[in-house]
């Protein structure tokens, strides 16, 4: 997709990777609308970052998604990019249902049903645009699971396969499907996550630093770099080859999130 000149809606962009992505895309000449549950926080972000539009949305609530979609499309009829960023992550112990069932249901509702409902709310409009993009957000943990977050791992694996499937399903409609696959990044996704220098609140992920769940290189106080990690060996070469040969290349979807420029 082109890096500029788009109108982009990013629900779940009030912090972390979502906000960093929104600001970077705004700076590249795009119209960016961010969504979140807390109106006051959205107002604060808009005041601190001129050029961002905002809309309240709870991606766990179907009625809220429908209402937000109506507001976004009424104000921005040229919308051509949807980024399904919103998600939650919970520590779980699956040895007793009393300790995981409610958490698992919340994770699946937000991380799986949320993107499905968002796509349902916007796909007809995006098809009418003729040159549009849906960006889903999975995780390195869809491929290399973390023991203490079973539902999150599974939800992101579902998002990955959903992305693969709807890319095939929407072929020829003018709607492209891209999948971002972030590694561990220092954000507020879990308590202690943002300040942990390993990039993971539950401890360093086993494996090499260039694995899909490798350690991120984000910096405190620098949201514009929060989603950047060194590319895996050969990753840049594979990505260039993929661009020459079209969207069949998988490297942009299964190696860690390198930078906004790499993906867009």
C-alpha atoms as a PDB file:
ATOM      1  CA  UNK A   1       0.000   0.000   0.000  1.00  0.00           C
ATOM      2  CA  UNK A   2       1.052   3.598  -0.501  1.00  0.00           C
ATOM      3  CA  UNK A   3       2.579   5.198   2.579  1.00  0.00           C
ATOM      4  CA  UNK A   4       0.758   8.519   2.181  1.00  0.00           C
ATOM      5  CA  UNK A   5      -2.547   9.925   1.023  1.00  0.00           C
ATOM      6  CA  UNK A   6      -4.708   7.368   2.845  1.00  0.00           C
ATOM      7  CA  UNK A   7      -7.547   7.737   5.317  1.00  0.00           C
ATOM      8  CA  UNK A   8      -6.905   5.221   8.075  1.00  0.00           C
ATOM      9  CA  UNK A   9      -8.967   4.058  11.061  1.00  0.00           C
ATOM     10  CA  UNK A  10      -7.029   2.406  13.917  1.00  0.00           C
ATOM     11  CA  UNK A  11      -9.231   1.249  16.823  1.00  0.00           C
ATOM     12  CA  UNK A  12      -7.082   0.438  19.829  1.00  0.00           C
ATOM     13  CA  UNK A  13      -4.508   3.158  19.163  1.00  0.00           C
ATOM     14  CA  UNK A  14      -4.464   5.088  22.443  1.00  0.00           C
ATOM     15  CA  UNK A  15      -1.082   3.674  23.510  1.00  0.00           C
ATOM     16  CA  UNK A  16       1.741   1.336  22.555  1.00  0.00           C
ATOM     17  CA  UNK A  17       2.260   0.134  18.995  1.00  0.00           C
ATOM     18  CA  UNK A  18      -1.133   1.462  17.894  1.00  0.00           C
ATOM     19  CA  UNK A  19      -0.426   5.051  18.911  1.00  0.00           C
ATOM     20  CA  UNK A  20       3.125   4.913  17.518  1.00  0.00           C
ATOM     21  CA  UNK A  21       1.750   3.652  14.209  1.00  0.00           C
ATOM     22  CA  UNK A  22      -0.959   6.326  14.145  1.00  0.00           C
ATOM     23  CA  UNK A  23       1.531   9.155  14.722  1.00  0.00           C
ATOM     24  CA  UNK A  24       3.981   7.844  12.151  1.00  0.00           C
ATOM     25  CA  UNK A  25       1.251   7.488   9.544  1.00  0.00           C
ATOM     26  CA  UNK A  26      -0.044  10.979  10.290  1.00  0.00           C
ATOM     27  CA  UNK A  27       3.470  12.333   9.808  1.00  0.00           C
ATOM     28  CA  UNK A  28       3.601  10.641   6.386  1.00  0.00           C
ATOM     29  CA  UNK A  29       0.637  12.632   5.108  1.00  0.00           C
ATOM     30  CA  UNK A  30      -2.267  10.356   5.967  1.00  0.00           C
ATOM     31  CA  UNK A  31      -5.567  11.224   7.609  1.00  0.00           C
ATOM     32  CA  UNK A  32      -5.642   9.068  10.738  1.00  0.00           C
ATOM     33  CA  UNK A  33      -8.583   8.346  13.033  1.00  0.00           C
ATOM     34  CA  UNK A  34      -7.827   6.548  16.290  1.00  0.00           C
ATOM     35  CA  UNK A  35     -10.379   4.717  18.396  1.00  0.00           C
ATOM     36  CA  UNK A  36     -10.520   3.860  22.079  1.00  0.00           C
ATOM     37  CA  UNK A  37     -12.912   3.314  24.946  1.00  0.00           C
ATOM     38  CA  UNK A  38     -12.019   6.355  27.080  1.00  0.00           C
ATOM     39  CA  UNK A  39     -13.246   9.655  25.656  1.00  0.00           C
ATOM     40  CA  UNK A  40     -11.101  11.729  28.016  1.00  0.00           C
ATOM     41  CA  UNK A  41      -7.933   9.920  26.970  1.00  0.00           C
ATOM     42  CA  UNK A  42      -8.837  10.367  23.308  1.00  0.00           C
ATOM     43  CA  UNK A  43      -9.326  14.096  23.889  1.00  0.00           C
ATOM     44  CA  UNK A  44      -5.925  14.325  25.591  1.00  0.00           C
ATOM     45  CA  UNK A  45      -4.201  12.503  22.735  1.00  0.00           C
ATOM     46  CA  UNK A  46      -5.904  14.698  20.124  1.00  0.00           C
ATOM     47  CA  UNK A  47      -4.908  17.870  21.995  1.00  0.00           C
ATOM     48  CA  UNK A  48      -1.289  16.730  22.226  1.00  0.00           C
ATOM     49  CA  UNK A  49      -1.142  15.502  18.616  1.00  0.00           C
ATOM     50  CA  UNK A  50      -2.810  17.902  16.167  1.00  0.00           C
ATOM     51  CA  UNK A  51      -4.056  16.193  13.046  1.00  0.00           C
ATOM     52  CA  UNK A  52      -5.375  13.042  14.714  1.00  0.00           C
ATOM     53  CA  UNK A  53      -9.121  12.513  14.684  1.00  0.00           C
ATOM     54  CA  UNK A  54     -10.739  10.340  17.346  1.00  0.00           C
ATOM     55  CA  UNK A  55     -13.819   8.218  17.929  1.00  0.00           C
ATOM     56  CA  UNK A  56     -14.947   6.291  20.989  1.00  0.00           C
ATOM     57  CA  UNK A  57     -15.259   2.556  20.435  1.00  0.00           C
ATOM     58  CA  UNK A  58     -15.292  -0.614  22.523  1.00  0.00           C
ATOM     59  CA  UNK A  59     -14.260  -3.459  20.233  1.00  0.00           C
ATOM     60  CA  UNK A  60     -15.728  -6.001  22.678  1.00  0.00           C
ATOM     61  CA  UNK A  61     -19.194  -4.476  22.148  1.00  0.00           C
ATOM     62  CA  UNK A  62     -20.904  -5.126  18.776  1.00  0.00           C
ATOM     63  CA  UNK A  63     -23.211  -2.112  19.147  1.00  0.00           C
ATOM     64  CA  UNK A  64     -20.247   0.167  19.861  1.00  0.00           C
ATOM     65  CA  UNK A  65     -18.459  -1.078  16.741  1.00  0.00           C
ATOM     66  CA  UNK A  66     -21.505  -0.413  14.578  1.00  0.00           C
ATOM     67  CA  UNK A  67     -21.996   3.085  16.010  1.00  0.00           C
ATOM     68  CA  UNK A  68     -18.309   3.958  15.627  1.00  0.00           C
ATOM     69  CA  UNK A  69     -18.251   2.712  12.037  1.00  0.00           C
ATOM     70  CA  UNK A  70     -21.239   4.896  11.205  1.00  0.00           C
ATOM     71  CA  UNK A  71     -19.541   7.958  12.708  1.00  0.00           C
ATOM     72  CA  UNK A  72     -16.219   7.303  10.999  1.00  0.00           C
ATOM     73  CA  UNK A  73     -17.741   6.751   7.563  1.00  0.00           C
ATOM     74  CA  UNK A  74     -20.064   9.749   7.871  1.00  0.00           C
ATOM     75  CA  UNK A  75     -17.111  12.040   8.615  1.00  0.00           C
ATOM     76  CA  UNK A  76     -14.514  10.262   6.461  1.00  0.00           C
ATOM     77  CA  UNK A  77     -16.253   8.749   3.416  1.00  0.00           C
ATOM     78  CA  UNK A  78     -12.854   8.355   1.717  1.00  0.00           C
ATOM     79  CA  UNK A  79     -11.657   5.854   4.342  1.00  0.00           C
ATOM     80  CA  UNK A  80      -9.556   3.196   2.609  1.00  0.00           C
ATOM     81  CA  UNK A  81      -7.532   1.507   5.381  1.00  0.00           C
ATOM     82  CA  UNK A  82      -8.717  -0.345   8.498  1.00  0.00           C
ATOM     83  CA  UNK A  83      -6.162  -1.463  11.117  1.00  0.00           C
ATOM     84  CA  UNK A  84      -7.650  -3.902  13.671  1.00  0.00           C
ATOM     85  CA  UNK A  85      -5.202  -3.022  16.431  1.00  0.00           C
ATOM     86  CA  UNK A  86      -7.205  -3.434  19.658  1.00  0.00           C
ATOM     87  CA  UNK A  87      -6.291  -6.412  21.842  1.00  0.00           C
ATOM     88  CA  UNK A  88      -5.841  -7.645  25.407  1.00  0.00           C
ATOM     89  CA  UNK A  89      -3.361 -10.053  26.996  1.00  0.00           C
ATOM     90  CA  UNK A  90      -3.899 -11.900  30.280  1.00  0.00           C
ATOM     91  CA  UNK A  91      -1.748 -14.167  32.446  1.00  0.00           C
ATOM     92  CA  UNK A  92      -3.624 -17.446  32.986  1.00  0.00           C
ATOM     93  CA  UNK A  93      -3.327 -20.701  34.921  1.00  0.00           C
ATOM     94  CA  UNK A  94      -5.262 -23.434  33.124  1.00  0.00           C
ATOM     95  CA  UNK A  95      -5.068 -25.963  35.953  1.00  0.00           C
ATOM     96  CA  UNK A  96      -8.454 -24.789  37.234  1.00  0.00           C
ATOM     97  CA  UNK A  97     -11.344 -23.259  35.244  1.00  0.00           C
ATOM     98  CA  UNK A  98     -11.989 -20.798  38.057  1.00  0.00           C
ATOM     99  CA  UNK A  99      -8.668 -19.153  37.229  1.00  0.00           C
ATOM    100  CA  UNK A 100      -8.875 -18.904  33.447  1.00  0.00           C
ATOM    101  CA  UNK A 101     -12.386 -19.183  31.976  1.00  0.00           C
ATOM    102  CA  UNK A 102     -13.478 -15.554  32.374  1.00  0.00           C
ATOM    103  CA  UNK A 103     -10.097 -14.339  31.188  1.00  0.00           C
ATOM    104  CA  UNK A 104     -10.107 -16.619  28.152  1.00  0.00           C
ATOM    105  CA  UNK A 105     -13.587 -15.470  27.147  1.00  0.00           C
ATOM    106  CA  UNK A 106     -12.511 -11.812  27.411  1.00  0.00           C
ATOM    107  CA  UNK A 107      -9.389 -12.424  25.308  1.00  0.00           C
ATOM    108  CA  UNK A 108     -11.270 -14.274  22.579  1.00  0.00           C
ATOM    109  CA  UNK A 109     -14.041 -11.659  22.495  1.00  0.00           C
ATOM    110  CA  UNK A 110     -11.601  -8.765  22.126  1.00  0.00           C
ATOM    111  CA  UNK A 111      -8.832 -10.347  20.055  1.00  0.00           C
ATOM    112  CA  UNK A 112     -10.828 -12.576  17.703  1.00  0.00           C
ATOM    113  CA  UNK A 113     -14.444 -11.407  17.599  1.00  0.00           C
ATOM    114  CA  UNK A 114     -13.312  -7.766  17.717  1.00  0.00           C
ATOM    115  CA  UNK A 115     -11.414  -7.888  14.392  1.00  0.00           C
ATOM    116  CA  UNK A 116     -14.143 -10.025  12.802  1.00  0.00           C
ATOM    117  CA  UNK A 117     -16.835  -7.516  13.783  1.00  0.00           C
ATOM    118  CA  UNK A 118     -14.693  -4.563  12.672  1.00  0.00           C
ATOM    119  CA  UNK A 119     -14.104  -6.116   9.275  1.00  0.00           C
ATOM    120  CA  UNK A 120     -17.823  -6.854   8.968  1.00  0.00           C
ATOM    121  CA  UNK A 121     -18.615  -3.216   9.717  1.00  0.00           C
ATOM    122  CA  UNK A 122     -16.245  -1.831   7.065  1.00  0.00           C
ATOM    123  CA  UNK A 123     -15.744  -4.449   4.339  1.00  0.00           C
ATOM    124  CA  UNK A 124     -18.590  -3.332   2.083  1.00  0.00           C
ATOM    125  CA  UNK A 125     -17.360   0.253   2.154  1.00  0.00           C
ATOM    126  CA  UNK A 126     -13.776  -0.868   1.493  1.00  0.00           C
ATOM    127  CA  UNK A 127     -14.891  -2.990  -1.464  1.00  0.00           C
ATOM    128  CA  UNK A 128     -16.652   0.029  -2.948  1.00  0.00           C
ATOM    129  CA  UNK A 129     -13.432   2.026  -2.656  1.00  0.00           C
ATOM    130  CA  UNK A 130     -11.754  -0.409  -5.049  1.00  0.00           C
ATOM    131  CA  UNK A 131      -8.229   0.142  -3.667  1.00  0.00           C
ATOM    132  CA  UNK A 132      -8.328  -0.520   0.055  1.00  0.00           C
ATOM    133  CA  UNK A 133      -6.438  -2.363   2.761  1.00  0.00           C
ATOM    134  CA  UNK A 134      -7.312  -4.298   5.905  1.00  0.00           C
ATOM    135  CA  UNK A 135      -4.409  -4.630   8.338  1.00  0.00           C
ATOM    136  CA  UNK A 136      -4.714  -7.311  11.005  1.00  0.00           C
ATOM    137  CA  UNK A 137      -2.408  -7.622  14.009  1.00  0.00           C
ATOM    138  CA  UNK A 138      -1.326 -11.042  15.230  1.00  0.00           C
ATOM    139  CA  UNK A 139       1.820 -11.732  17.278  1.00  0.00           C
ATOM    140  CA  UNK A 140       5.033 -13.712  17.366  1.00  0.00           C
ATOM    141  CA  UNK A 141       3.279 -15.702  20.103  1.00  0.00           C
ATOM    142  CA  UNK A 142       0.962 -17.144  17.450  1.00  0.00           C
ATOM    143  CA  UNK A 143       4.011 -19.131  16.299  1.00  0.00           C
ATOM    144  CA  UNK A 144       6.137 -19.456  19.446  1.00  0.00           C
ATOM    145  CA  UNK A 145       3.679 -19.634  22.396  1.00  0.00           C
ATOM    146  CA  UNK A 146       4.330 -18.262  25.855  1.00  0.00           C
ATOM    147  CA  UNK A 147       3.358 -20.688  28.623  1.00  0.00           C
ATOM    148  CA  UNK A 148       1.543 -18.174  30.846  1.00  0.00           C
ATOM    149  CA  UNK A 149      -0.693 -16.630  28.134  1.00  0.00           C
ATOM    150  CA  UNK A 150      -2.503 -19.571  26.475  1.00  0.00           C
ATOM    151  CA  UNK A 151      -5.626 -17.683  25.370  1.00  0.00           C
ATOM    152  CA  UNK A 152      -3.631 -14.781  23.954  1.00  0.00           C
ATOM    153  CA  UNK A 153      -1.381 -17.164  22.003  1.00  0.00           C
ATOM    154  CA  UNK A 154      -4.395 -18.982  20.601  1.00  0.00           C
ATOM    155  CA  UNK A 155      -6.260 -15.781  19.767  1.00  0.00           C
ATOM    156  CA  UNK A 156      -3.327 -14.442  17.778  1.00  0.00           C
ATOM    157  CA  UNK A 157      -2.927 -17.768  15.977  1.00  0.00           C
ATOM    158  CA  UNK A 158      -6.599 -17.426  15.030  1.00  0.00           C
ATOM    159  CA  UNK A 159      -5.972 -13.899  13.730  1.00  0.00           C
ATOM    160  CA  UNK A 160      -3.077 -15.202  11.663  1.00  0.00           C
ATOM    161  CA  UNK A 161      -5.148 -17.911  10.014  1.00  0.00           C
ATOM    162  CA  UNK A 162      -8.085 -15.555   9.592  1.00  0.00           C
ATOM    163  CA  UNK A 163      -5.762 -13.153   7.765  1.00  0.00           C
ATOM    164  CA  UNK A 164      -4.498 -15.901   5.479  1.00  0.00           C
ATOM    165  CA  UNK A 165      -8.046 -17.026   4.745  1.00  0.00           C
ATOM    166  CA  UNK A 166      -9.713 -13.694   4.072  1.00  0.00           C
ATOM    167  CA  UNK A 167      -6.771 -12.659   1.888  1.00  0.00           C
ATOM    168  CA  UNK A 168      -7.800 -15.543  -0.371  1.00  0.00           C
ATOM    169  CA  UNK A 169     -11.489 -14.818   0.070  1.00  0.00           C
ATOM    170  CA  UNK A 170     -11.153 -11.136  -0.878  1.00  0.00           C
ATOM    171  CA  UNK A 171      -8.787 -11.708  -3.804  1.00  0.00           C
ATOM    172  CA  UNK A 172      -9.934  -9.739  -6.824  1.00  0.00           C
ATOM    173  CA  UNK A 173     -12.159  -7.382  -4.817  1.00  0.00           C
ATOM    174  CA  UNK A 174      -9.652  -4.547  -4.569  1.00  0.00           C
ATOM    175  CA  UNK A 175      -9.229  -5.108  -0.823  1.00  0.00           C
ATOM    176  CA  UNK A 176      -5.771  -6.243   0.256  1.00  0.00           C
ATOM    177  CA  UNK A 177      -5.160  -7.980   3.595  1.00  0.00           C
ATOM    178  CA  UNK A 178      -1.890  -7.337   5.404  1.00  0.00           C
ATOM    179  CA  UNK A 179      -0.845  -8.924   8.691  1.00  0.00           C
ATOM    180  CA  UNK A 180       1.460  -7.274  11.215  1.00  0.00           C
ATOM    181  CA  UNK A 181       3.310  -9.763  13.426  1.00  0.00           C
ATOM    182  CA  UNK A 182       4.905  -7.845  16.317  1.00  0.00           C
ATOM    183  CA  UNK A 183       7.420  -9.523  18.616  1.00  0.00           C
ATOM    184  CA  UNK A 184       7.666  -8.694  22.322  1.00  0.00           C
ATOM    185  CA  UNK A 185       7.558  -4.884  22.562  1.00  0.00           C
ATOM    186  CA  UNK A 186       7.796  -2.638  25.631  1.00  0.00           C
ATOM    187  CA  UNK A 187       4.194  -1.431  25.918  1.00  0.00           C
ATOM    188  CA  UNK A 188       1.475  -1.380  28.607  1.00  0.00           C
ATOM    189  CA  UNK A 189      -0.065  -4.644  27.369  1.00  0.00           C
ATOM    190  CA  UNK A 190       0.772  -6.335  30.692  1.00  0.00           C
ATOM    191  CA  UNK A 191       1.722  -4.832  34.067  1.00  0.00           C
ATOM    192  CA  UNK A 192       5.477  -4.247  34.116  1.00  0.00           C
ATOM    193  CA  UNK A 193       5.787  -4.839  30.378  1.00  0.00           C
ATOM    194  CA  UNK A 194       6.707  -1.266  29.443  1.00  0.00           C
ATOM    195  CA  UNK A 195       9.618  -0.974  31.895  1.00  0.00           C
ATOM    196  CA  UNK A 196      11.013  -4.485  31.378  1.00  0.00           C
ATOM    197  CA  UNK A 197      14.237  -4.260  29.359  1.00  0.00           C
ATOM    198  CA  UNK A 198      13.750  -7.771  27.982  1.00  0.00           C
ATOM    199  CA  UNK A 199      10.569  -6.572  26.311  1.00  0.00           C
ATOM    200  CA  UNK A 200       8.460  -9.202  28.056  1.00  0.00           C
ATOM    201  CA  UNK A 201       6.683  -8.905  31.393  1.00  0.00           C
ATOM    202  CA  UNK A 202       6.772 -12.660  32.010  1.00  0.00           C
ATOM    203  CA  UNK A 203      10.519 -13.056  31.492  1.00  0.00           C
ATOM    204  CA  UNK A 204      12.815 -13.391  28.527  1.00  0.00           C
ATOM    205  CA  UNK A 205      11.454 -15.569  25.781  1.00  0.00           C
ATOM    206  CA  UNK A 206      13.599 -18.600  25.116  1.00  0.00           C
ATOM    207  CA  UNK A 207      15.313 -18.670  21.772  1.00  0.00           C
ATOM    208  CA  UNK A 208      17.443 -16.396  19.640  1.00  0.00           C
ATOM    209  CA  UNK A 209      16.795 -12.661  19.505  1.00  0.00           C
ATOM    210  CA  UNK A 210      15.749 -12.867  15.856  1.00  0.00           C
ATOM    211  CA  UNK A 211      13.032 -15.455  16.509  1.00  0.00           C
ATOM    212  CA  UNK A 212       9.396 -14.464  15.959  1.00  0.00           C
ATOM    213  CA  UNK A 213       8.992 -13.912  19.708  1.00  0.00           C
ATOM    214  CA  UNK A 214      12.420 -12.301  20.069  1.00  0.00           C
ATOM    215  CA  UNK A 215      13.269  -9.402  22.334  1.00  0.00           C
ATOM    216  CA  UNK A 216      12.314  -5.934  21.082  1.00  0.00           C
ATOM    217  CA  UNK A 217      14.559  -2.913  20.952  1.00  0.00           C
ATOM    218  CA  UNK A 218      12.018  -0.220  21.832  1.00  0.00           C
ATOM    219  CA  UNK A 219      13.082   2.759  23.931  1.00  0.00           C
ATOM    220  CA  UNK A 220      11.325   4.309  26.932  1.00  0.00           C
ATOM    221  CA  UNK A 221       9.733   7.651  26.149  1.00  0.00           C
ATOM    222  CA  UNK A 222      10.105   7.255  22.389  1.00  0.00           C
ATOM    223  CA  UNK A 223       6.798   5.931  21.044  1.00  0.00           C
ATOM    224  CA  UNK A 224       7.907   6.464  17.485  1.00  0.00           C
ATOM    225  CA  UNK A 225      10.457   3.662  17.948  1.00  0.00           C
ATOM    226  CA  UNK A 226       8.431   1.427  20.234  1.00  0.00           C
ATOM    227  CA  UNK A 227       7.655  -1.046  17.460  1.00  0.00           C
ATOM    228  CA  UNK A 228      11.150  -1.346  16.003  1.00  0.00           C
ATOM    229  CA  UNK A 229      13.466  -4.336  16.298  1.00  0.00           C
ATOM    230  CA  UNK A 230      16.539  -5.358  14.331  1.00  0.00           C
ATOM    231  CA  UNK A 231      15.526  -7.340  11.228  1.00  0.00           C
ATOM    232  CA  UNK A 232      16.179 -11.081  11.246  1.00  0.00           C
ATOM    233  CA  UNK A 233      19.105 -12.277   9.189  1.00  0.00           C
ATOM    234  CA  UNK A 234      18.141 -12.162   5.521  1.00  0.00           C
ATOM    235  CA  UNK A 235      14.779 -10.578   6.311  1.00  0.00           C
ATOM    236  CA  UNK A 236      15.327  -7.396   4.308  1.00  0.00           C
ATOM    237  CA  UNK A 237      16.483  -9.418   1.296  1.00  0.00           C
ATOM    238  CA  UNK A 238      13.439 -11.707   1.493  1.00  0.00           C
ATOM    239  CA  UNK A 239      11.122  -8.719   1.789  1.00  0.00           C
ATOM    240  CA  UNK A 240      12.617  -7.064  -1.288  1.00  0.00           C
ATOM    241  CA  UNK A 241      12.218 -10.295  -3.210  1.00  0.00           C
ATOM    242  CA  UNK A 242       8.611 -10.522  -2.067  1.00  0.00           C
ATOM    243  CA  UNK A 243       7.900  -7.024  -3.327  1.00  0.00           C
ATOM    244  CA  UNK A 244       9.255  -7.990  -6.744  1.00  0.00           C
ATOM    245  CA  UNK A 245       7.215 -11.169  -6.906  1.00  0.00           C
ATOM    246  CA  UNK A 246       3.975  -9.832  -5.406  1.00  0.00           C
ATOM    247  CA  UNK A 247       2.040 -10.656  -2.246  1.00  0.00           C
ATOM    248  CA  UNK A 248       2.870 -14.349  -2.165  1.00  0.00           C
ATOM    249  CA  UNK A 249       6.002 -13.628  -0.103  1.00  0.00           C
ATOM    250  CA  UNK A 250       5.474 -14.610   3.553  1.00  0.00           C
ATOM    251  CA  UNK A 251       8.478 -12.872   5.118  1.00  0.00           C
ATOM    252  CA  UNK A 252       6.615  -9.629   5.835  1.00  0.00           C
ATOM    253  CA  UNK A 253       4.042 -11.601   7.798  1.00  0.00           C
ATOM    254  CA  UNK A 254       6.060 -14.086   9.820  1.00  0.00           C
ATOM    255  CA  UNK A 255       9.218 -12.262  10.861  1.00  0.00           C
ATOM    256  CA  UNK A 256       9.232  -9.662  13.668  1.00  0.00           C
ATOM    257  CA  UNK A 257       7.871  -6.178  13.204  1.00  0.00           C
ATOM    258  CA  UNK A 258      10.862  -4.267  11.818  1.00  0.00           C
ATOM    259  CA  UNK A 259       9.466  -0.777  11.274  1.00  0.00           C
ATOM    260  CA  UNK A 260       6.492   1.021   9.864  1.00  0.00           C
ATOM    261  CA  UNK A 261       8.408   1.674   6.630  1.00  0.00           C
ATOM    262  CA  UNK A 262       9.077  -2.047   6.172  1.00  0.00           C
ATOM    263  CA  UNK A 263       5.403  -3.002   6.325  1.00  0.00           C
ATOM    264  CA  UNK A 264       3.840  -0.083   4.467  1.00  0.00           C
END
